[in-house]
PDB file of all heavy atoms in Angstrom:
ATOM      1  N   LEU A   1       0.857  -1.180  -0.017  1.00  0.00           N
ATOM      2  CA  LEU A   1      -0.009  -0.011   0.001  1.00  0.00           C
ATOM      3  C   LEU A   1       0.891   1.234   0.014  1.00  0.00           C
ATOM      4  O   LEU A   1       1.935   1.263   0.662  1.00  0.00           O
ATOM      5  CB  LEU A   1      -0.886  -0.002   1.255  1.00  0.00           C
ATOM      6  CG  LEU A   1      -1.867   1.144   1.460  1.00  0.00           C
ATOM      7  CD1 LEU A   1      -3.061   0.998   0.498  1.00  0.00           C
ATOM      8  CD2 LEU A   1      -2.310   1.192   2.873  1.00  0.00           C
ATOM      9  N   TYR A   2       0.459   2.291  -0.702  1.00  0.00           N
ATOM     10  CA  TYR A   2       1.247   3.512  -0.786  1.00  0.00           C
ATOM     11  C   TYR A   2       0.400   4.713  -0.411  1.00  0.00           C
ATOM     12  O   TYR A   2      -0.837   4.720  -0.591  1.00  0.00           O
ATOM     13  CB  TYR A   2       1.740   3.720  -2.218  1.00  0.00           C
ATOM     14  CG  TYR A   2       2.604   2.609  -2.720  1.00  0.00           C
ATOM     15  CD1 TYR A   2       2.057   1.634  -3.563  1.00  0.00           C
ATOM     16  CD2 TYR A   2       3.955   2.489  -2.421  1.00  0.00           C
ATOM     17  CE1 TYR A   2       2.809   0.559  -4.035  1.00  0.00           C
ATOM     18  CE2 TYR A   2       4.728   1.440  -2.917  1.00  0.00           C
ATOM     19  CZ  TYR A   2       4.127   0.461  -3.697  1.00  0.00           C
ATOM     20  OH  TYR A   2       4.883  -0.550  -4.192  1.00  0.00           O
ATOM     21  N   LEU A   3       1.096   5.756   0.060  1.00  0.00           N
ATOM     22  CA  LEU A   3       0.479   7.049   0.249  1.00  0.00           C
ATOM     23  C   LEU A   3       1.414   8.093  -0.295  1.00  0.00           C
ATOM     24  O   LEU A   3       2.481   8.360   0.298  1.00  0.00           O
ATOM     25  CB  LEU A   3       0.154   7.326   1.720  1.00  0.00           C
ATOM     26  CG  LEU A   3      -0.594   8.605   2.006  1.00  0.00           C
ATOM     27  CD1 LEU A   3      -2.018   8.558   1.456  1.00  0.00           C
ATOM     28  CD2 LEU A   3      -0.647   8.951   3.518  1.00  0.00           C
ATOM     29  N   GLN A   4       1.050   8.683  -1.427  1.00  0.00           N
ATOM     30  CA  GLN A   4       1.843   9.778  -2.004  1.00  0.00           C
ATOM     31  C   GLN A   4       1.368  11.082  -1.365  1.00  0.00           C
ATOM     32  O   GLN A   4       0.180  11.406  -1.486  1.00  0.00           O
ATOM     33  CB  GLN A   4       1.673   9.845  -3.484  1.00  0.00           C
ATOM     34  CG  GLN A   4       2.443  10.972  -4.193  1.00  0.00           C
ATOM     35  CD  GLN A   4       3.927  10.822  -4.085  1.00  0.00           C
ATOM     36  OE1 GLN A   4       4.456   9.742  -4.292  1.00  0.00           O
ATOM     37  NE2 GLN A   4       4.606  11.886  -3.701  1.00  0.00           N
ATOM     38  N   MET A   5       2.248  11.823  -0.735  1.00  0.00           N
ATOM     39  CA  MET A   5       1.907  13.035  -0.021  1.00  0.00           C
ATOM     40  C   MET A   5       2.626  14.198  -0.677  1.00  0.00           C
ATOM     41  O   MET A   5       3.857  14.248  -0.651  1.00  0.00           O
ATOM     42  CB  MET A   5       2.268  12.930   1.483  1.00  0.00           C
ATOM     43  CG  MET A   5       1.660  11.711   2.141  1.00  0.00           C
ATOM     44  SD  MET A   5       1.965  11.698   3.939  1.00  0.00           S
ATOM     45  CE  MET A   5       3.738  11.558   3.975  1.00  0.00           C
ATOM     46  N   ASN A   6       1.864  15.134  -1.259  1.00  0.00           N
ATOM     47  CA  ASN A   6       2.427  16.305  -1.915  1.00  0.00           C
ATOM     48  C   ASN A   6       2.016  17.558  -1.171  1.00  0.00           C
ATOM     49  O   ASN A   6       1.026  17.561  -0.449  1.00  0.00           O
ATOM     50  CB  ASN A   6       1.972  16.377  -3.364  1.00  0.00           C
ATOM     51  CG  ASN A   6       2.446  15.201  -4.179  1.00  0.00           C
ATOM     52  OD1 ASN A   6       3.526  14.657  -3.969  1.00  0.00           O
ATOM     53  ND2 ASN A   6       1.622  14.796  -5.160  1.00  0.00           N
ATOM     54  N   ASN A   7       2.742  18.639  -1.417  1.00  0.00           N
ATOM     55  CA  ASN A   7       2.440  19.957  -0.819  1.00  0.00           C
ATOM     56  C   ASN A   7       2.220  19.787   0.706  1.00  0.00           C
ATOM     57  O   ASN A   7       1.216  20.264   1.259  1.00  0.00           O
ATOM     58  CB  ASN A   7       1.241  20.571  -1.482  1.00  0.00           C
ATOM     59  CG  ASN A   7       1.025  22.034  -1.080  1.00  0.00           C
ATOM     60  OD1 ASN A   7       1.965  22.704  -0.680  1.00  0.00           O
ATOM     61  ND2 ASN A   7      -0.228  22.491  -1.171  1.00  0.00           N
ATOM     62  N   LEU A   8       3.191  19.159   1.357  1.00  0.00           N
ATOM     63  CA  LEU A   8       3.039  18.898   2.771  1.00  0.00           C
ATOM     64  C   LEU A   8       3.029  20.173   3.610  1.00  0.00           C
ATOM     65  O   LEU A   8       3.673  21.143   3.284  1.00  0.00           O
ATOM     66  CB  LEU A   8       4.171  18.006   3.227  1.00  0.00           C
ATOM     67  CG  LEU A   8       3.997  16.526   2.777  1.00  0.00           C
ATOM     68  CD1 LEU A   8       5.331  15.792   2.804  1.00  0.00           C
ATOM     69  CD2 LEU A   8       2.992  15.823   3.685  1.00  0.00           C
ATOM     70  N   LYS A   9       2.251  20.127   4.689  1.00  0.00           N
ATOM     71  CA  LYS A   9       2.081  21.282   5.559  1.00  0.00           C
ATOM     72  C   LYS A   9       2.526  20.891   6.978  1.00  0.00           C
ATOM     73  O   LYS A   9       2.534  19.714   7.324  1.00  0.00           O
ATOM     74  CB  LYS A   9       0.605  21.695   5.589  1.00  0.00           C
ATOM     75  CG  LYS A   9       0.069  22.073   4.222  1.00  0.00           C
ATOM     76  CD  LYS A   9      -1.425  22.386   4.311  1.00  0.00           C
ATOM     77  CE  LYS A   9      -2.001  22.777   2.966  1.00  0.00           C
ATOM     78  NZ  LYS A   9      -3.432  23.126   3.030  1.00  0.00           N
ATOM     79  N   PRO A  10       2.880  21.850   7.814  1.00  0.00           N
ATOM     80  CA  PRO A  10       3.283  21.552   9.175  1.00  0.00           C
ATOM     81  C   PRO A  10       2.255  20.739   9.919  1.00  0.00           C
ATOM     82  O   PRO A  10       2.619  19.880  10.744  1.00  0.00           O
ATOM     83  CB  PRO A  10       3.476  22.939   9.790  1.00  0.00           C
ATOM     84  CG  PRO A  10       3.876  23.793   8.667  1.00  0.00           C
ATOM     85  CD  PRO A  10       3.058  23.308   7.514  1.00  0.00           C
ATOM     86  N   GLU A  11       0.966  20.969   9.662  1.00  0.00           N
ATOM     87  CA  GLU A  11      -0.090  20.215  10.350  1.00  0.00           C
ATOM     88  C   GLU A  11      -0.159  18.764   9.926  1.00  0.00           C
ATOM     89  O   GLU A  11      -0.900  17.969  10.555  1.00  0.00           O
ATOM     90  CB  GLU A  11      -1.460  20.904  10.163  1.00  0.00           C
ATOM     91  CG  GLU A  11      -1.811  21.184   8.733  1.00  0.00           C
ATOM     92  CD  GLU A  11      -1.498  22.611   8.351  1.00  0.00           C
ATOM     93  OE1 GLU A  11      -0.408  23.117   8.677  1.00  0.00           O
ATOM     94  OE2 GLU A  11      -2.346  23.248   7.665  1.00  0.00           O
ATOM     95  N   ASP A  12       0.592  18.363   8.910  1.00  0.00           N
ATOM     96  CA  ASP A  12       0.667  16.963   8.517  1.00  0.00           C
ATOM     97  C   ASP A  12       1.637  16.169   9.398  1.00  0.00           C
ATOM     98  O   ASP A  12       1.696  14.939   9.280  1.00  0.00           O
ATOM     99  CB  ASP A  12       1.074  16.807   7.055  1.00  0.00           C
ATOM    100  CG  ASP A  12       0.071  17.369   6.094  1.00  0.00           C
ATOM    101  OD1 ASP A  12      -1.139  17.171   6.305  1.00  0.00           O
ATOM    102  OD2 ASP A  12       0.494  18.033   5.134  1.00  0.00           O
ATOM    103  N   THR A  13       2.401  16.856  10.255  1.00  0.00           N
ATOM    104  CA  THR A  13       3.348  16.193  11.119  1.00  0.00           C
ATOM    105  C   THR A  13       2.628  15.229  12.058  1.00  0.00           C
ATOM    106  O   THR A  13       1.701  15.593  12.742  1.00  0.00           O
ATOM    107  CB  THR A  13       4.110  17.207  11.937  1.00  0.00           C
ATOM    108  OG1 THR A  13       4.926  18.018  11.079  1.00  0.00           O
ATOM    109  CG2 THR A  13       5.010  16.533  12.965  1.00  0.00           C
ATOM    110  N   ALA A  14       3.066  13.942  12.001  1.00  0.00           N
ATOM    111  CA  ALA A  14       2.391  12.921  12.806  1.00  0.00           C
ATOM    112  C   ALA A  14       3.096  11.597  12.593  1.00  0.00           C
ATOM    113  O   ALA A  14       3.915  11.441  11.681  1.00  0.00           O
ATOM    114  CB  ALA A  14       0.901  12.773  12.380  1.00  0.00           C
ATOM    115  N   MET A  15       2.742  10.612  13.419  1.00  0.00           N
ATOM    116  CA  MET A  15       3.098   9.232  13.142  1.00  0.00           C
ATOM    117  C   MET A  15       2.047   8.665  12.222  1.00  0.00           C
ATOM    118  O   MET A  15       0.821   8.794  12.542  1.00  0.00           O
ATOM    119  CB  MET A  15       3.150   8.429  14.463  1.00  0.00           C
ATOM    120  CG  MET A  15       3.634   7.015  14.275  1.00  0.00           C
ATOM    121  SD  MET A  15       5.407   6.881  13.917  1.00  0.00           S
ATOM    122  CE  MET A  15       6.065   7.262  15.537  1.00  0.00           C
ATOM    123  N   TYR A  16       2.455   8.074  11.135  1.00  0.00           N
ATOM    124  CA  TYR A  16       1.534   7.522  10.148  1.00  0.00           C
ATOM    125  C   TYR A  16       1.514   6.015  10.220  1.00  0.00           C
ATOM    126  O   TYR A  16       2.546   5.370  10.249  1.00  0.00           O
ATOM    127  CB  TYR A  16       1.883   7.978   8.712  1.00  0.00           C
ATOM    128  CG  TYR A  16       1.524   9.414   8.424  1.00  0.00           C
ATOM    129  CD1 TYR A  16       2.203  10.457   9.038  1.00  0.00           C
ATOM    130  CD2 TYR A  16       0.470   9.682   7.579  1.00  0.00           C
ATOM    131  CE1 TYR A  16       1.831  11.779   8.765  1.00  0.00           C
ATOM    132  CE2 TYR A  16       0.092  10.995   7.302  1.00  0.00           C
ATOM    133  CZ  TYR A  16       0.761  12.044   7.924  1.00  0.00           C
ATOM    134  OH  TYR A  16       0.410  13.327   7.635  1.00  0.00           O
ATOM    135  N   TYR A  17       0.304   5.448  10.236  1.00  0.00           N
ATOM    136  CA  TYR A  17       0.113   4.018  10.351  1.00  0.00           C
ATOM    137  C   TYR A  17      -0.730   3.517   9.177  1.00  0.00           C
ATOM    138  O   TYR A  17      -1.657   4.172   8.729  1.00  0.00           O
ATOM    139  CB  TYR A  17      -0.657   3.672  11.626  1.00  0.00           C
ATOM    140  CG  TYR A  17      -0.046   4.160  12.917  1.00  0.00           C
ATOM    141  CD1 TYR A  17      -0.322   5.428  13.408  1.00  0.00           C
ATOM    142  CD2 TYR A  17       0.806   3.348  13.638  1.00  0.00           C
ATOM    143  CE1 TYR A  17       0.238   5.880  14.609  1.00  0.00           C
ATOM    144  CE2 TYR A  17       1.367   3.749  14.816  1.00  0.00           C
ATOM    145  CZ  TYR A  17       1.109   5.036  15.309  1.00  0.00           C
ATOM    146  OH  TYR A  17       1.657   5.467  16.455  1.00  0.00           O
ATOM    147  N   CYS A  18      -0.432   2.311   8.727  1.00  0.00           N
ATOM    148  CA  CYS A  18      -1.337   1.622   7.826  1.00  0.00           C
ATOM    149  C   CYS A  18      -2.073   0.581   8.579  1.00  0.00           C
ATOM    150  O   CYS A  18      -1.623   0.038   9.609  1.00  0.00           O
ATOM    151  CB  CYS A  18      -0.643   1.057   6.612  1.00  0.00           C
ATOM    152  SG  CYS A  18       0.455  -0.327   6.917  1.00  0.00           S
ATOM    153  N   ALA A  19      -3.269   0.218   8.104  1.00  0.00           N
ATOM    154  CA  ALA A  19      -4.090  -0.786   8.747  1.00  0.00           C
ATOM    155  C   ALA A  19      -4.988  -1.459   7.720  1.00  0.00           C
ATOM    156  O   ALA A  19      -5.269  -0.940   6.665  1.00  0.00           O
ATOM    157  CB  ALA A  19      -4.946  -0.150   9.821  1.00  0.00           C
ATOM    158  N   ALA A  20      -5.410  -2.677   8.080  1.00  0.00           N
ATOM    159  CA  ALA A  20      -6.245  -3.487   7.189  1.00  0.00           C
ATOM    160  C   ALA A  20      -7.540  -3.884   7.860  1.00  0.00           C
ATOM    161  O   ALA A  20      -7.562  -4.306   8.991  1.00  0.00           O
ATOM    162  CB  ALA A  20      -5.467  -4.756   6.776  1.00  0.00           C
ATOM    163  N   ASP A  21      -8.641  -3.772   7.090  1.00  0.00           N
ATOM    164  CA  ASP A  21      -9.939  -4.231   7.510  1.00  0.00           C
ATOM    165  C   ASP A  21     -10.245  -5.482   6.680  1.00  0.00           C
ATOM    166  O   ASP A  21     -10.542  -5.356   5.481  1.00  0.00           O
ATOM    167  CB  ASP A  21     -10.992  -3.164   7.282  1.00  0.00           C
ATOM    168  CG  ASP A  21     -12.435  -3.620   7.508  1.00  0.00           C
ATOM    169  OD1 ASP A  21     -12.617  -4.731   8.053  1.00  0.00           O
ATOM    170  OD2 ASP A  21     -13.360  -2.896   7.123  1.00  0.00           O
ATOM    171  N   ILE A  22     -10.148  -6.641   7.256  1.00  0.00           N
ATOM    172  CA  ILE A  22     -10.338  -7.865   6.491  1.00  0.00           C
ATOM    173  C   ILE A  22     -11.768  -8.110   6.093  1.00  0.00           C
ATOM    174  O   ILE A  22     -12.036  -8.879   5.178  1.00  0.00           O
ATOM    175  CB  ILE A  22      -9.782  -9.080   7.247  1.00  0.00           C
ATOM    176  CG1 ILE A  22     -10.519  -9.344   8.545  1.00  0.00           C
ATOM    177  CG2 ILE A  22      -8.298  -8.914   7.510  1.00  0.00           C
ATOM    178  CD1 ILE A  22     -10.155 -10.662   9.214  1.00  0.00           C
ATOM    179  N   VAL A  23     -12.716  -7.438   6.748  1.00  0.00           N
ATOM    180  CA  VAL A  23     -14.111  -7.541   6.340  1.00  0.00           C
ATOM    181  C   VAL A  23     -14.340  -6.860   4.990  1.00  0.00           C
ATOM    182  O   VAL A  23     -15.217  -7.221   4.238  1.00  0.00           O
ATOM    183  CB  VAL A  23     -15.019  -6.955   7.420  1.00  0.00           C
ATOM    184  CG1 VAL A  23     -16.494  -6.897   6.959  1.00  0.00           C
ATOM    185  CG2 VAL A  23     -14.909  -7.733   8.703  1.00  0.00           C
ATOM    186  N   GLY A  24     -13.532  -5.866   4.690  1.00  0.00           N
ATOM    187  CA  GLY A  24     -13.603  -5.209   3.418  1.00  0.00           C
ATOM    188  C   GLY A  24     -14.728  -4.167   3.341  1.00  0.00           C
ATOM    189  O   GLY A  24     -15.381  -4.058   2.296  1.00  0.00           O
ATOM    190  N   ARG A  25     -14.888  -3.354   4.370  1.00  0.00           N
ATOM    191  CA  ARG A  25     -15.879  -2.286   4.379  1.00  0.00           C
ATOM    192  C   ARG A  25     -15.433  -1.168   3.449  1.00  0.00           C
ATOM    193  O   ARG A  25     -14.312  -1.155   2.943  1.00  0.00           O
ATOM    194  CB  ARG A  25     -16.126  -1.789   5.791  1.00  0.00           C
ATOM    195  CG  ARG A  25     -16.760  -2.816   6.706  1.00  0.00           C
ATOM    196  CD  ARG A  25     -16.879  -2.319   8.148  1.00  0.00           C
ATOM    197  NE  ARG A  25     -15.579  -2.148   8.726  1.00  0.00           N
ATOM    198  CZ  ARG A  25     -15.360  -1.569   9.915  1.00  0.00           C
ATOM    199  NH1 ARG A  25     -16.403  -1.115  10.607  1.00  0.00           N
ATOM    200  NH2 ARG A  25     -14.149  -1.416  10.374  1.00  0.00           N
ATOM    201  N   THR A  26     -16.337  -0.246   3.220  1.00  0.00           N
ATOM    202  CA  THR A  26     -16.076   0.826   2.256  1.00  0.00           C
ATOM    203  C   THR A  26     -15.021   1.782   2.725  1.00  0.00           C
ATOM    204  O   THR A  26     -14.790   1.958   3.937  1.00  0.00           O
ATOM    205  CB  THR A  26     -17.350   1.586   1.932  1.00  0.00           C
ATOM    206  OG1 THR A  26     -17.889   2.125   3.171  1.00  0.00           O
ATOM    207  CG2 THR A  26     -18.382   0.659   1.289  1.00  0.00           C
ATOM    208  N   SER A  27     -14.323   2.389   1.788  1.00  0.00           N
ATOM    209  CA  SER A  27     -13.254   3.298   2.124  1.00  0.00           C
ATOM    210  C   SER A  27     -13.697   4.512   2.914  1.00  0.00           C
ATOM    211  O   SER A  27     -12.979   4.989   3.775  1.00  0.00           O
ATOM    212  CB  SER A  27     -12.513   3.753   0.854  1.00  0.00           C
ATOM    213  OG  SER A  27     -13.397   4.384  -0.042  1.00  0.00           O
TER     214      SER A  27
END
């Protein structure tokens, strides 16, 4: 899985996590 992040802002500062929903609910 990828996350392309452009035009980053100071408020984007954070720990970023990926996660999986095996039930497959909507995005």
